[in-house]
Amino acid sequence: MDDVLDTLFATILDRQANPRPGSYTVKLLEAGEDEILKKVGEEAMEVILAAKGQGNERLISEVADLLYHLLVLLAARGLTLADVEAELVRRRR
């Protein structure tokens, strides 16, 4: 899974550095952090609703949406997956 997340994050960073017309990622990044946070909140709620009775396929779909929006948030803040991984390693100790 790391490879998929790394590839997705690299694509998000590329869109940030080289905006493409019509890109949803570019639209989010240009809208700013408040809009990104709004989407993270919406997706988090959709994960909860899916887990409470919409089935595993829907849950997987919503978790994927949430992960994507979290990665956009990290990119907007100049943070990386490595930053998150380092925190997870720190917590394991």
N, C-alpha and C. Protein backbone atom coordinates (compact mmCIF):
# COMPACT_ATOMS: atom_id res chain seq x y z
N MET A 1 0.82 -1.20 0.00
CA MET A 1 0.00 0.00 0.00
C MET A 1 0.86 1.26 0.00
N ASP A 2 2.01 1.20 0.64
CA ASP A 2 2.88 2.37 0.66
C ASP A 2 3.15 2.89 -0.74
N ASP A 3 3.38 1.96 -1.68
CA ASP A 3 3.69 2.35 -3.04
C ASP A 3 2.53 3.14 -3.65
N VAL A 4 1.32 2.70 -3.41
CA VAL A 4 0.14 3.39 -3.95
C VAL A 4 0.01 4.78 -3.33
N LEU A 5 0.16 4.87 -2.02
CA LEU A 5 0.07 6.17 -1.36
C LEU A 5 1.21 7.08 -1.79
N ASP A 6 2.41 6.53 -1.91
CA ASP A 6 3.55 7.34 -2.36
C ASP A 6 3.31 7.87 -3.77
N THR A 7 2.78 7.02 -4.65
CA THR A 7 2.51 7.44 -6.02
C THR A 7 1.42 8.51 -6.05
N LEU A 8 0.36 8.31 -5.28
CA LEU A 8 -0.71 9.31 -5.21
C LEU A 8 -0.18 10.63 -4.66
N PHE A 9 0.62 10.56 -3.61
CA PHE A 9 1.16 11.78 -3.02
C PHE A 9 2.09 12.49 -4.02
N ALA A 10 2.88 11.73 -4.75
CA ALA A 10 3.75 12.31 -5.78
C ALA A 10 2.92 13.01 -6.85
N THR A 11 1.79 12.43 -7.21
CA THR A 11 0.90 13.06 -8.20
C THR A 11 0.34 14.36 -7.65
N ILE A 12 -0.06 14.35 -6.39
CA ILE A 12 -0.59 15.57 -5.75
C ILE A 12 0.49 16.66 -5.75
N LEU A 13 1.72 16.29 -5.39
CA LEU A 13 2.81 17.26 -5.38
C LEU A 13 3.10 17.79 -6.78
N ASP A 14 2.99 16.92 -7.77
CA ASP A 14 3.19 17.35 -9.16
C ASP A 14 2.12 18.34 -9.58
N ARG A 15 0.88 18.09 -9.20
CA ARG A 15 -0.21 19.01 -9.53
C ARG A 15 0.01 20.36 -8.83
N GLN A 16 0.56 20.29 -7.63
CA GLN A 16 0.84 21.52 -6.88
C GLN A 16 1.94 22.34 -7.59
N ALA A 17 2.96 21.66 -8.06
CA ALA A 17 4.09 22.33 -8.72
C ALA A 17 3.78 22.70 -10.17
N ASN A 18 2.97 21.89 -10.82
CA ASN A 18 2.65 22.06 -12.24
C ASN A 18 1.14 21.98 -12.44
N PRO A 19 0.43 23.02 -12.03
CA PRO A 19 -1.04 22.98 -12.11
C PRO A 19 -1.54 22.67 -13.52
N ARG A 20 -2.53 21.80 -13.57
CA ARG A 20 -3.16 21.44 -14.84
C ARG A 20 -4.61 21.92 -14.82
N PRO A 21 -5.04 22.56 -15.88
CA PRO A 21 -6.44 23.01 -15.95
C PRO A 21 -7.40 21.82 -15.78
N GLY A 22 -8.43 22.03 -14.98
CA GLY A 22 -9.43 21.00 -14.80
C GLY A 22 -9.11 19.97 -13.73
N SER A 23 -7.93 20.05 -13.13
CA SER A 23 -7.53 19.09 -12.10
C SER A 23 -8.26 19.38 -10.79
N TYR A 24 -8.91 18.36 -10.25
CA TYR A 24 -9.58 18.52 -8.95
C TYR A 24 -8.58 18.85 -7.86
N THR A 25 -7.42 18.24 -7.91
CA THR A 25 -6.38 18.50 -6.91
C THR A 25 -5.96 19.97 -6.97
N VAL A 26 -5.75 20.48 -8.16
CA VAL A 26 -5.37 21.89 -8.32
C VAL A 26 -6.48 22.79 -7.78
N LYS A 27 -7.71 22.45 -8.10
CA LYS A 27 -8.85 23.24 -7.62
C LYS A 27 -8.86 23.31 -6.09
N LEU A 28 -8.65 22.16 -5.45
CA LEU A 28 -8.62 22.13 -3.99
C LEU A 28 -7.47 22.97 -3.44
N LEU A 29 -6.29 22.77 -4.00
CA LEU A 29 -5.13 23.51 -3.51
C LEU A 29 -5.30 25.01 -3.70
N GLU A 30 -5.87 25.41 -4.82
CA GLU A 30 -6.09 26.84 -5.07
C GLU A 30 -7.18 27.41 -4.17
N ALA A 31 -8.14 26.58 -3.78
CA ALA A 31 -9.23 27.04 -2.91
C ALA A 31 -8.73 27.34 -1.50
N GLY A 32 -7.64 26.69 -1.12
CA GLY A 32 -7.03 26.99 0.17
C GLY A 32 -7.36 25.98 1.25
N GLU A 33 -6.70 26.18 2.37
CA GLU A 33 -6.78 25.22 3.47
C GLU A 33 -8.19 25.06 4.02
N ASP A 34 -8.94 26.13 4.13
CA ASP A 34 -10.29 26.01 4.68
C ASP A 34 -11.14 25.05 3.85
N GLU A 35 -11.04 25.16 2.53
CA GLU A 35 -11.81 24.26 1.65
C GLU A 35 -11.31 22.82 1.78
N ILE A 36 -10.01 22.65 1.88
CA ILE A 36 -9.45 21.31 2.05
C ILE A 36 -9.94 20.71 3.36
N LEU A 37 -9.91 21.50 4.42
CA LEU A 37 -10.39 21.03 5.72
C LEU A 37 -11.87 20.67 5.69
N LYS A 38 -12.64 21.46 4.97
CA LYS A 38 -14.06 21.16 4.80
C LYS A 38 -14.24 19.79 4.15
N LYS A 39 -13.46 19.51 3.12
CA LYS A 39 -13.55 18.22 2.44
C LYS A 39 -13.09 17.08 3.35
N VAL A 40 -12.04 17.30 4.12
CA VAL A 40 -11.59 16.28 5.07
C VAL A 40 -12.70 15.96 6.06
N GLY A 41 -13.35 17.00 6.58
CA GLY A 41 -14.46 16.79 7.51
C GLY A 41 -15.62 16.04 6.88
N GLU A 42 -15.98 16.41 5.66
CA GLU A 42 -17.08 15.73 4.96
C GLU A 42 -16.74 14.26 4.74
N GLU A 43 -15.52 14.01 4.30
CA GLU A 43 -15.12 12.62 4.03
C GLU A 43 -15.04 11.81 5.32
N ALA A 44 -14.59 12.42 6.40
CA ALA A 44 -14.55 11.71 7.69
C ALA A 44 -15.95 11.31 8.12
N MET A 45 -16.90 12.20 7.94
CA MET A 45 -18.29 11.89 8.29
C MET A 45 -18.82 10.77 7.39
N GLU A 46 -18.48 10.80 6.13
CA GLU A 46 -18.93 9.76 5.22
C GLU A 46 -18.32 8.40 5.58
N VAL A 47 -17.09 8.39 6.09
CA VAL A 47 -16.48 7.14 6.58
C VAL A 47 -17.30 6.59 7.74
N ILE A 48 -17.67 7.46 8.66
CA ILE A 48 -18.46 7.04 9.82
C ILE A 48 -19.80 6.47 9.37
N LEU A 49 -20.48 7.18 8.49
CA LEU A 49 -21.79 6.71 8.02
C LEU A 49 -21.67 5.38 7.28
N ALA A 50 -20.63 5.25 6.46
CA ALA A 50 -20.44 3.99 5.73
C ALA A 50 -20.18 2.84 6.70
N ALA A 51 -19.39 3.09 7.73
CA ALA A 51 -19.08 2.04 8.70
C ALA A 51 -20.31 1.64 9.51
N LYS A 52 -21.24 2.55 9.64
CA LYS A 52 -22.43 2.28 10.45
C LYS A 52 -23.56 1.63 9.67
N GLY A 53 -23.32 1.20 8.44
CA GLY A 53 -24.41 0.48 7.81
C GLY A 53 -24.48 0.55 6.29
N GLN A 54 -23.44 0.99 5.65
CA GLN A 54 -23.50 1.07 4.19
C GLN A 54 -22.67 -0.01 3.51
N GLY A 55 -22.11 -0.91 4.29
CA GLY A 55 -21.37 -2.03 3.71
C GLY A 55 -19.89 -1.74 3.53
N ASN A 56 -19.14 -2.82 3.37
CA ASN A 56 -17.69 -2.71 3.29
C ASN A 56 -17.21 -2.03 2.01
N GLU A 57 -17.88 -2.26 0.89
CA GLU A 57 -17.44 -1.61 -0.35
C GLU A 57 -17.54 -0.09 -0.22
N ARG A 58 -18.64 0.37 0.34
CA ARG A 58 -18.83 1.81 0.53
C ARG A 58 -17.80 2.35 1.51
N LEU A 59 -17.52 1.60 2.58
CA LEU A 59 -16.53 2.01 3.57
C LEU A 59 -15.15 2.15 2.90
N ILE A 60 -14.77 1.18 2.11
CA ILE A 60 -13.48 1.24 1.43
C ILE A 60 -13.41 2.47 0.53
N SER A 61 -14.47 2.73 -0.20
CA SER A 61 -14.51 3.89 -1.09
C SER A 61 -14.36 5.19 -0.32
N GLU A 62 -15.05 5.31 0.80
CA GLU A 62 -15.00 6.53 1.59
C GLU A 62 -13.65 6.70 2.29
N VAL A 63 -13.04 5.61 2.73
CA VAL A 63 -11.70 5.69 3.33
C VAL A 63 -10.70 6.16 2.27
N ALA A 64 -10.84 5.66 1.05
CA ALA A 64 -9.96 6.10 -0.03
C ALA A 64 -10.12 7.60 -0.27
N ASP A 65 -11.36 8.08 -0.28
CA ASP A 65 -11.60 9.52 -0.44
C ASP A 65 -10.96 10.32 0.69
N LEU A 66 -11.11 9.84 1.91
CA LEU A 66 -10.53 10.52 3.07
C LEU A 66 -9.01 10.56 2.98
N LEU A 67 -8.40 9.43 2.63
CA LEU A 67 -6.94 9.39 2.50
C LEU A 67 -6.46 10.40 1.46
N TYR A 68 -7.13 10.44 0.33
CA TYR A 68 -6.77 11.40 -0.72
C TYR A 68 -6.80 12.83 -0.18
N HIS A 69 -7.90 13.19 0.47
CA HIS A 69 -8.03 14.56 0.97
C HIS A 69 -7.02 14.87 2.07
N LEU A 70 -6.68 13.88 2.89
CA LEU A 70 -5.64 14.07 3.89
C LEU A 70 -4.29 14.32 3.23
N LEU A 71 -4.01 13.62 2.14
CA LEU A 71 -2.76 13.83 1.42
C LEU A 71 -2.71 15.22 0.81
N VAL A 72 -3.83 15.70 0.29
CA VAL A 72 -3.88 17.06 -0.23
C VAL A 72 -3.60 18.05 0.90
N LEU A 73 -4.15 17.82 2.07
CA LEU A 73 -3.90 18.69 3.22
C LEU A 73 -2.42 18.70 3.58
N LEU A 74 -1.80 17.53 3.62
CA LEU A 74 -0.37 17.46 3.92
C LEU A 74 0.43 18.28 2.90
N ALA A 75 0.11 18.10 1.62
CA ALA A 75 0.82 18.82 0.57
C ALA A 75 0.64 20.34 0.73
N ALA A 76 -0.57 20.76 1.03
CA ALA A 76 -0.86 22.18 1.20
C ALA A 76 -0.05 22.77 2.34
N ARG A 77 0.24 21.96 3.34
CA ARG A 77 0.99 22.40 4.51
C ARG A 77 2.50 22.23 4.36
N GLY A 78 2.92 21.64 3.24
CA GLY A 78 4.34 21.40 3.05
C GLY A 78 4.86 20.22 3.85
N LEU A 79 3.95 19.34 4.23
CA LEU A 79 4.30 18.13 4.98
C LEU A 79 4.30 16.94 4.04
N THR A 80 4.83 15.81 4.53
CA THR A 80 4.94 14.62 3.68
C THR A 80 4.44 13.39 4.40
N LEU A 81 4.31 12.33 3.64
CA LEU A 81 3.99 11.03 4.25
C LEU A 81 5.09 10.60 5.21
N ALA A 82 6.33 10.95 4.89
CA ALA A 82 7.45 10.61 5.78
C ALA A 82 7.28 11.26 7.15
N ASP A 83 6.71 12.45 7.19
CA ASP A 83 6.45 13.11 8.47
C ASP A 83 5.46 12.31 9.30
N VAL A 84 4.42 11.81 8.65
CA VAL A 84 3.41 11.01 9.34
C VAL A 84 4.02 9.67 9.77
N GLU A 85 4.78 9.05 8.88
CA GLU A 85 5.43 7.77 9.21
C GLU A 85 6.36 7.93 10.41
N ALA A 86 7.12 9.03 10.45
CA ALA A 86 8.03 9.27 11.57
C ALA A 86 7.25 9.38 12.88
N GLU A 87 6.10 10.02 12.84
CA GLU A 87 5.27 10.12 14.06
C GLU A 87 4.75 8.75 14.49
N LEU A 88 4.35 7.94 13.52
CA LEU A 88 3.87 6.59 13.85
C LEU A 88 4.99 5.74 14.44
N VAL A 89 6.19 5.87 13.91
CA VAL A 89 7.35 5.15 14.46
C VAL A 89 7.62 5.62 15.88
N ARG A 90 7.58 6.93 16.09
CA ARG A 90 7.82 7.50 17.42
C ARG A 90 6.81 6.94 18.42
N ARG A 91 5.56 6.81 18.00
CA ARG A 91 4.51 6.31 18.91
C ARG A 91 4.68 4.83 19.24
N ARG A 92 5.30 4.09 18.35
CA ARG A 92 5.50 2.66 18.59
C ARG A 92 6.51 2.38 19.69
N ARG A 93 7.36 3.32 19.95
CA ARG A 93 8.44 3.11 20.94
C ARG A 93 7.96 3.19 22.34
